[in-house]
Protein backbone atom coordinates (compact mmCIF):
# COMPACT_ATOMS: atom_id res chain seq x y z
CA MET A 1 83.67 -124.19 -55.90
CA ASP A 2 80.63 -126.50 -54.77
CA GLY A 3 79.67 -129.37 -56.49
CA ALA A 4 77.34 -127.68 -59.14
CA GLY A 5 80.70 -125.45 -60.25
CA ARG A 6 79.07 -122.66 -58.37
CA LEU A 7 81.37 -120.51 -56.34
CA ALA A 8 80.52 -121.02 -52.18
CA ARG A 9 79.42 -117.52 -50.35
CA SER A 10 81.05 -117.31 -47.03
CA GLY A 11 78.74 -116.41 -44.34
CA ARG A 12 81.28 -114.65 -42.22
CA SER A 13 81.89 -111.97 -44.89
CA LEU A 14 78.24 -110.98 -45.51
CA GLY A 15 77.22 -110.48 -41.96
CA PRO A 16 79.25 -107.38 -41.37
CA GLN A 17 77.97 -105.75 -44.50
CA ALA A 18 74.52 -106.24 -43.61
CA ASP A 19 75.04 -104.71 -40.16
CA LEU A 20 76.92 -101.68 -41.59
CA LYS A 21 74.54 -100.86 -44.57
CA ALA A 22 71.23 -101.22 -41.64
CA ALA A 23 73.30 -98.53 -39.39
CA ALA A 24 74.28 -96.10 -42.26
CA ILE A 25 70.12 -95.97 -43.26
CA GLY A 26 69.07 -95.09 -39.67
CA ALA A 27 71.62 -92.63 -39.16
CA LEU A 28 70.10 -90.80 -42.69
CA ILE A 29 66.87 -91.26 -40.99
CA LEU A 30 67.46 -89.60 -37.96
CA LEU A 31 69.33 -86.96 -39.59
CA ARG A 32 66.30 -86.10 -41.93
CA GLU A 33 63.84 -86.06 -39.19
CA ARG A 34 65.99 -83.37 -36.90
CA LEU A 35 66.41 -81.56 -40.25
CA PHE A 36 62.68 -81.61 -40.82
CA VAL A 37 61.99 -80.45 -37.12
CA ARG A 38 64.03 -77.54 -37.38
CA ARG A 39 62.58 -76.21 -40.41
CA VAL A 40 58.85 -76.85 -40.24
CA GLY A 41 58.25 -77.15 -36.68
CA PRO A 42 57.36 -80.67 -34.59
CA VAL A 43 56.05 -83.30 -36.72
CA LYS A 44 51.79 -83.32 -36.13
CA SER A 45 50.62 -86.48 -34.65
CA LEU A 46 48.79 -88.36 -37.51
CA VAL A 47 46.12 -89.15 -34.93
CA LYS A 48 43.65 -85.95 -34.90
CA PRO A 49 42.28 -85.09 -31.54
CA ILE A 50 38.46 -85.53 -31.00
CA VAL A 51 37.04 -82.03 -30.98
CA LYS A 52 33.65 -81.33 -29.38
CA PRO A 53 31.35 -79.26 -31.54
CA VAL A 54 31.04 -75.90 -30.19
CA ILE A 55 27.11 -74.92 -29.47
CA GLU A 56 26.79 -71.10 -29.98
CA ARG A 57 24.03 -69.71 -27.71
CA GLU A 58 21.75 -66.53 -28.38
CA PRO A 59 22.96 -63.35 -26.77
CA PRO A 60 20.65 -62.96 -23.51
CA PRO A 61 18.22 -60.29 -23.37
CA ARG A 62 19.40 -56.99 -22.43
CA ILE A 63 17.81 -57.20 -18.79
CA VAL A 64 19.41 -60.40 -18.43
CA ALA A 65 22.58 -59.34 -19.57
CA TRP A 66 22.32 -56.26 -17.35
CA ILE A 67 21.65 -58.49 -14.14
CA GLU A 68 24.72 -60.66 -15.06
CA ARG A 69 26.68 -57.65 -15.30
CA HIS A 70 25.75 -55.56 -12.01
CA VAL A 71 23.99 -57.95 -9.54
CA PRO A 72 26.35 -59.55 -7.20
CA ARG A 73 27.35 -63.17 -7.40
CA ARG A 74 25.43 -64.15 -4.18
CA ALA A 75 22.70 -62.10 -5.17
CA GLY A 76 20.66 -65.17 -6.31
CA LEU A 77 21.28 -66.98 -3.01
CA ALA A 78 20.16 -64.06 -0.74
CA ALA A 79 16.87 -63.82 -2.84
CA THR A 80 16.35 -67.36 -2.62
CA VAL A 81 17.05 -67.44 1.20
CA MET A 82 14.39 -63.97 1.21
CA LEU A 83 11.74 -66.18 -0.62
CA LEU A 84 12.04 -69.28 1.77
CA LEU A 85 11.30 -66.72 4.73
CA GLY A 86 8.53 -65.22 2.92
CA SER A 87 6.83 -68.24 2.48
CA LEU A 88 7.41 -69.35 5.80
CA TRP A 89 5.88 -65.99 7.06
CA LEU A 90 2.95 -66.44 4.84
CA GLY A 91 2.48 -69.86 5.78
CA ILE A 92 2.42 -68.45 9.55
CA VAL A 93 0.01 -65.64 8.66
CA LYS A 94 -2.30 -67.98 6.68
CA GLY A 95 -2.47 -70.74 8.99
CA GLY A 96 -3.59 -67.99 11.81
CA HIS A 97 -0.29 -68.08 13.70
CA ALA A 98 1.03 -64.56 13.46
CA GLU A 99 -0.07 -63.85 17.17
CA GLU A 100 1.64 -67.06 18.33
CA PHE A 101 4.50 -66.44 16.45
CA ASN A 102 5.23 -62.87 17.68
CA ALA A 103 4.19 -63.62 21.35
CA ALA A 104 6.75 -66.52 21.32
CA LEU A 105 9.64 -64.29 19.59
CA SER A 106 8.88 -61.54 22.04
CA ASP A 107 8.86 -63.78 25.11
CA ALA A 108 12.07 -65.18 23.96
CA ARG A 109 13.67 -61.62 23.44
CA ASN A 110 12.34 -60.44 27.11
CA ALA A 111 13.71 -63.42 28.76
CA LEU A 112 17.13 -62.69 27.38
CA ALA A 113 17.09 -59.13 28.70
CA ASN A 114 15.38 -60.17 31.74
CA SER A 115 18.39 -62.67 32.66
CA ALA A 116 20.89 -59.53 31.79
CA GLY A 117 19.04 -57.54 34.72
CA PHE A 118 16.46 -55.36 32.81
CA ARG A 119 13.18 -57.34 34.79
CA ILE A 120 10.69 -54.86 35.85
CA THR A 121 10.86 -54.87 39.40
CA SER A 122 9.17 -52.04 40.69
CA VAL A 123 5.92 -50.40 39.21
CA VAL A 124 4.94 -46.47 40.71
CA ILE A 125 1.51 -45.42 38.84
CA ASN A 126 0.26 -42.01 39.69
CA GLY A 127 -3.35 -40.41 39.36
CA ARG A 128 -4.83 -43.67 39.37
CA ARG A 129 -8.61 -43.46 41.50
CA GLN A 130 -10.91 -45.37 39.51
CA LEU A 131 -8.77 -48.15 37.86
CA THR A 132 -6.72 -50.76 39.94
CA GLN A 133 -3.06 -50.95 39.37
CA ASP A 134 -3.38 -54.64 37.69
CA GLU A 135 -6.22 -53.02 35.50
CA VAL A 136 -3.81 -50.36 34.25
CA LEU A 137 -1.18 -52.63 33.75
CA GLY A 138 -3.31 -55.05 31.74
CA ILE A 139 -4.38 -52.00 29.58
CA GLY A 140 -0.92 -51.10 28.80
CA GLY A 141 -0.32 -54.83 28.03
CA VAL A 142 2.55 -55.04 30.63
CA ASN A 143 2.78 -58.63 32.44
CA GLY A 144 5.09 -60.49 34.34
CA ARG A 145 7.41 -61.50 31.45
CA SER A 146 7.84 -57.83 30.08
CA SER A 147 11.32 -56.65 30.29
CA LEU A 148 12.10 -52.70 30.63
CA LEU A 149 14.58 -52.87 27.89
CA PHE A 150 12.25 -53.82 25.17
CA LEU A 151 9.05 -52.28 26.67
CA ASP A 152 7.85 -49.93 24.00
CA ALA A 153 6.48 -46.79 26.15
CA ALA A 154 4.78 -45.09 23.47
CA ALA A 155 2.94 -48.18 22.72
CA VAL A 156 1.87 -48.59 26.49
CA ARG A 157 0.79 -44.77 26.08
CA ASP A 158 -1.17 -45.11 23.16
CA ARG A 159 -3.10 -48.61 24.72
CA LEU A 160 -3.57 -46.48 27.76
CA LYS A 161 -5.21 -43.53 26.40
CA ALA A 162 -7.62 -45.73 24.27
CA ASN A 163 -9.31 -46.66 27.54
CA PRO A 164 -12.37 -44.22 28.03
CA TRP A 165 -11.02 -44.13 31.44
CA ILE A 166 -7.87 -42.25 30.83
CA ALA A 167 -7.50 -38.77 29.45
CA ASP A 168 -3.95 -38.82 29.21
CA ALA A 169 -0.70 -40.73 30.42
CA THR A 170 2.81 -40.62 30.38
CA VAL A 171 5.21 -43.48 30.81
CA LEU A 172 8.43 -43.48 32.05
CA LYS A 173 11.26 -46.12 31.99
CA LEU A 174 13.74 -45.79 34.60
CA TYR A 175 16.51 -48.21 34.05
CA PRO A 176 17.64 -50.70 35.12
CA GLY A 177 14.01 -52.25 36.28
CA GLN A 178 11.22 -49.21 37.24
CA LEU A 179 8.30 -48.18 35.34
CA GLN A 180 6.79 -45.26 36.26
CA ILE A 181 3.01 -44.17 34.90
CA ASP A 182 1.19 -40.73 35.48
CA LEU A 183 -2.67 -41.19 34.58
CA VAL A 184 -5.14 -38.29 34.21
CA GLU A 185 -8.33 -40.01 34.68
CA ARG A 186 -11.86 -39.13 33.47
CA THR A 187 -14.56 -38.40 36.14
CA ALA A 188 -17.85 -40.08 36.25
CA PHE A 189 -20.05 -37.11 35.43
CA ALA A 190 -23.90 -38.73 34.93
CA LEU A 191 -25.84 -42.13 33.79
CA TRP A 192 -27.08 -42.22 30.06
CA GLN A 193 -29.99 -44.33 28.77
CA GLU A 194 -30.59 -45.05 25.37
CA ASP A 195 -32.44 -48.18 24.04
CA GLY A 196 -32.83 -49.55 27.31
CA ARG A 197 -28.95 -49.44 27.92
CA LEU A 198 -27.41 -47.58 30.80
CA ALA A 199 -23.91 -46.45 30.85
CA VAL A 200 -21.57 -44.14 33.00
CA ILE A 201 -20.45 -40.97 30.70
CA ALA A 202 -17.98 -38.23 31.40
CA GLU A 203 -18.45 -34.75 30.92
CA ASP A 204 -17.51 -34.89 27.20
CA GLY A 205 -19.82 -37.67 26.87
CA ALA A 206 -17.53 -40.60 26.40
CA VAL A 207 -18.71 -43.68 27.64
CA LEU A 208 -16.86 -44.64 30.30
CA GLU A 209 -18.16 -48.28 31.10
CA PRO A 210 -21.91 -50.16 31.67
CA TYR A 211 -23.64 -49.45 34.47
CA VAL A 212 -23.07 -52.16 36.72
CA SER A 213 -21.61 -50.90 39.77
CA ARG A 214 -23.92 -48.97 42.26
CA ARG A 215 -21.25 -46.71 43.31
CA PHE A 216 -22.73 -44.67 40.75
CA LEU A 217 -26.59 -44.84 41.59
CA THR A 218 -25.98 -40.91 43.02
CA LEU A 219 -25.21 -39.58 39.35
CA PRO A 220 -27.81 -37.41 37.66
CA LEU A 221 -29.63 -39.63 34.92
CA VAL A 222 -30.17 -38.42 30.98
CA VAL A 223 -32.06 -40.17 28.64
CA GLY A 224 -32.44 -40.08 25.01
CA LYS A 225 -30.28 -39.99 21.71
CA GLY A 226 -27.96 -37.41 21.99
CA ALA A 227 -28.21 -36.60 25.67
CA GLU A 228 -24.93 -37.60 26.34
CA THR A 229 -23.25 -34.74 24.46
CA HIS A 230 -25.63 -32.21 25.11
CA ALA A 231 -25.91 -33.14 29.22
CA ARG A 232 -23.08 -31.11 30.56
CA ASP A 233 -24.39 -27.50 29.49
CA PHE A 234 -27.99 -28.54 30.41
CA LEU A 235 -27.41 -29.89 33.71
CA ALA A 236 -25.07 -27.17 34.49
CA LEU A 237 -28.24 -24.55 33.74
CA LEU A 238 -30.60 -26.85 35.54
CA ALA A 239 -28.24 -26.57 38.73
CA ARG A 240 -28.86 -22.98 38.92
CA TYR A 241 -32.31 -23.45 39.84
CA PRO A 242 -32.26 -25.88 43.16
CA GLN A 243 -35.92 -25.69 43.66
CA VAL A 244 -36.52 -27.78 40.30
CA HIS A 245 -32.97 -29.48 40.13
CA ASP A 246 -33.41 -31.11 44.00
CA VAL A 247 -36.66 -32.89 42.88
CA THR A 248 -35.79 -34.04 39.25
CA LYS A 249 -35.15 -37.57 38.46
CA ALA A 250 -34.27 -37.76 34.97
CA ALA A 251 -33.77 -35.30 32.18
CA ILE A 252 -35.27 -36.69 28.91
CA TYR A 253 -33.75 -35.30 25.25
CA VAL A 254 -36.56 -35.19 22.93
CA GLY A 255 -36.09 -35.17 19.05
CA GLU A 256 -32.23 -34.08 19.66
CA ARG A 257 -33.88 -30.94 19.99
CA ARG A 258 -35.35 -30.22 23.83
CA TRP A 259 -35.67 -31.43 27.10
CA ASN A 260 -38.29 -32.88 29.35
CA LEU A 261 -37.85 -33.20 32.97
CA ARG A 262 -39.02 -36.33 35.27
CA LEU A 263 -39.40 -35.35 38.92
CA LYS A 264 -39.08 -37.81 41.47
CA ASP A 265 -42.85 -37.97 42.10
CA GLY A 266 -43.49 -39.13 38.59
CA LEU A 267 -44.56 -35.43 37.28
CA ASP A 268 -43.44 -34.58 33.86
CA ILE A 269 -42.29 -30.99 32.77
CA ARG A 270 -42.29 -30.44 29.13
CA LEU A 271 -39.72 -27.38 28.49
CA PRO A 272 -39.36 -25.09 25.87
CA GLU A 273 -36.76 -25.34 22.77
CA HIS A 274 -35.66 -22.32 23.62
CA ASP A 275 -35.47 -19.84 26.53
CA VAL A 276 -34.93 -22.68 28.96
CA GLY A 277 -33.59 -20.83 31.59
CA ASN A 278 -36.58 -18.50 31.75
CA ALA A 279 -38.91 -21.71 32.01
CA LEU A 280 -36.68 -22.99 35.06
CA ALA A 281 -37.10 -19.91 36.64
CA GLU A 282 -41.21 -19.79 36.14
CA LEU A 283 -41.24 -23.39 37.27
CA SER A 284 -38.92 -22.22 40.44
CA ARG A 285 -41.50 -19.43 41.32
CA LEU A 286 -44.81 -21.31 40.23
CA ASP A 287 -43.63 -23.94 43.20
CA LYS A 288 -42.49 -21.48 45.83
CA GLU A 289 -45.97 -19.49 45.60
CA GLU A 290 -48.58 -21.96 44.53
CA LYS A 291 -46.86 -25.30 45.42
CA LEU A 292 -46.66 -26.44 41.79
CA PHE A 293 -45.03 -29.79 42.23
CA SER A 294 -47.49 -30.60 45.14
CA ARG A 295 -50.50 -30.35 43.57
CA ASP A 296 -52.23 -33.79 41.57
CA ILE A 297 -50.89 -33.25 38.42
CA VAL A 298 -49.45 -35.53 35.80
CA ALA A 299 -47.84 -33.30 33.24
CA VAL A 300 -46.75 -29.28 32.90
CA ASP A 301 -46.45 -28.27 29.38
CA MET A 302 -44.40 -24.70 28.91
CA ARG A 303 -43.71 -25.34 24.86
CA LEU A 304 -46.24 -22.62 24.11
CA PRO A 305 -44.59 -19.08 24.87
CA ASP A 306 -47.71 -17.40 26.16
CA ARG A 307 -49.26 -20.17 28.30
CA LEU A 308 -48.45 -23.12 30.58
CA VAL A 309 -50.55 -26.11 30.18
CA VAL A 310 -51.15 -28.59 33.19
CA GLN A 311 -52.47 -31.92 32.87
CA LEU A 312 -54.40 -33.32 35.97
CA SER A 313 -54.09 -37.07 37.48
CA ASP A 314 -57.11 -39.28 36.68
CA ASP A 315 -58.36 -38.25 40.08
CA ALA A 316 -58.23 -34.99 40.12
CA ALA A 317 -59.85 -34.98 36.69
CA LYS A 318 -62.79 -36.93 38.29
CA ALA A 319 -62.97 -34.90 41.19
CA ARG A 320 -62.91 -31.91 38.81
CA ASP A 321 -65.58 -33.27 36.62
CA LYS A 322 -67.81 -34.14 39.47
CA LEU A 323 -67.21 -30.62 41.17
CA TYR A 324 -68.40 -29.04 38.16
CA ASP A 325 -71.28 -31.30 37.68
CA ASP A 326 -72.48 -30.85 41.30
CA LYS A 327 -72.07 -26.63 40.36
CA LYS A 328 -74.06 -27.26 37.20
CA THR A 329 -76.86 -29.14 39.11
CA LYS A 330 -76.97 -26.50 41.96
CA LYS A 331 -77.53 -23.90 39.36
CA LYS A 332 -80.33 -25.64 37.66
CA ALA A 333 -82.09 -25.94 41.06
CA GLY A 334 -81.53 -22.60 41.68
CA ASP A 335 -82.85 -21.03 38.39
CA ALA A 336 -86.01 -23.54 38.86
């Protein structure tokens, strides 16, 4: 007992009992947790995870849904690239650089082909008479940078046929480096004058070139609107009457209906609209028999079917009037 009459507690006896009690409580807690997990599953955490709210989107339109379902994934990228290329080409065209771009692209392509052994090393042109070789190649668009591999033979032929001197053309590519061009050229047929302009024409009336070379000086001359398309038939008819043809300087188409002749000495022959052959035959006869073309006259009008009208020159008219006056004076004197 302590001094107060109470029993004194021994610290040695209380310690082990407390430890045993705490161990038993812990064992019961563990056993209960294990039994609870087996029956109801794992224990959920008391801390709830943060869940982001789900935003519900409206269903897309049918056309969009169809595109998403059927169009390949890379189609958008391809469309973007095409859009950029299209914008680039539009800028080139709007800027007026399309021809330069195409020329540069063509030169680069031809340079690769030439380096591969397809350079044009030989050119053969058959049927060429009026045009030079350089003119033919220039018209066809063939130059020193052209390669046989990328040369468009059909395009060269079309460009050649567009030239009025060339009636037809054939273009052959003979690999690896020979180009052959066969031409059918038109022939210079006559000179045609209209509104003061002079040009060389073919038989079909095609205008070949402006008259600048004196080598065409000997060609027959036709004048007037429509004369170029009617010249072949009329000049063929005129050639049948050499008495008239040889002294004719020009054939003039009047009103797109009939012809006049201007002779080398300035005499005008006004032919009828119809029966031109008979009129030319009559002119030939009058010149042979009566030297009509050598007389002092300035015009012969054959437009009337039943008569021929001759217009004298001023000198011939004065001489005729004087002769008429002299005869009239002598007649009056004789009557007196």
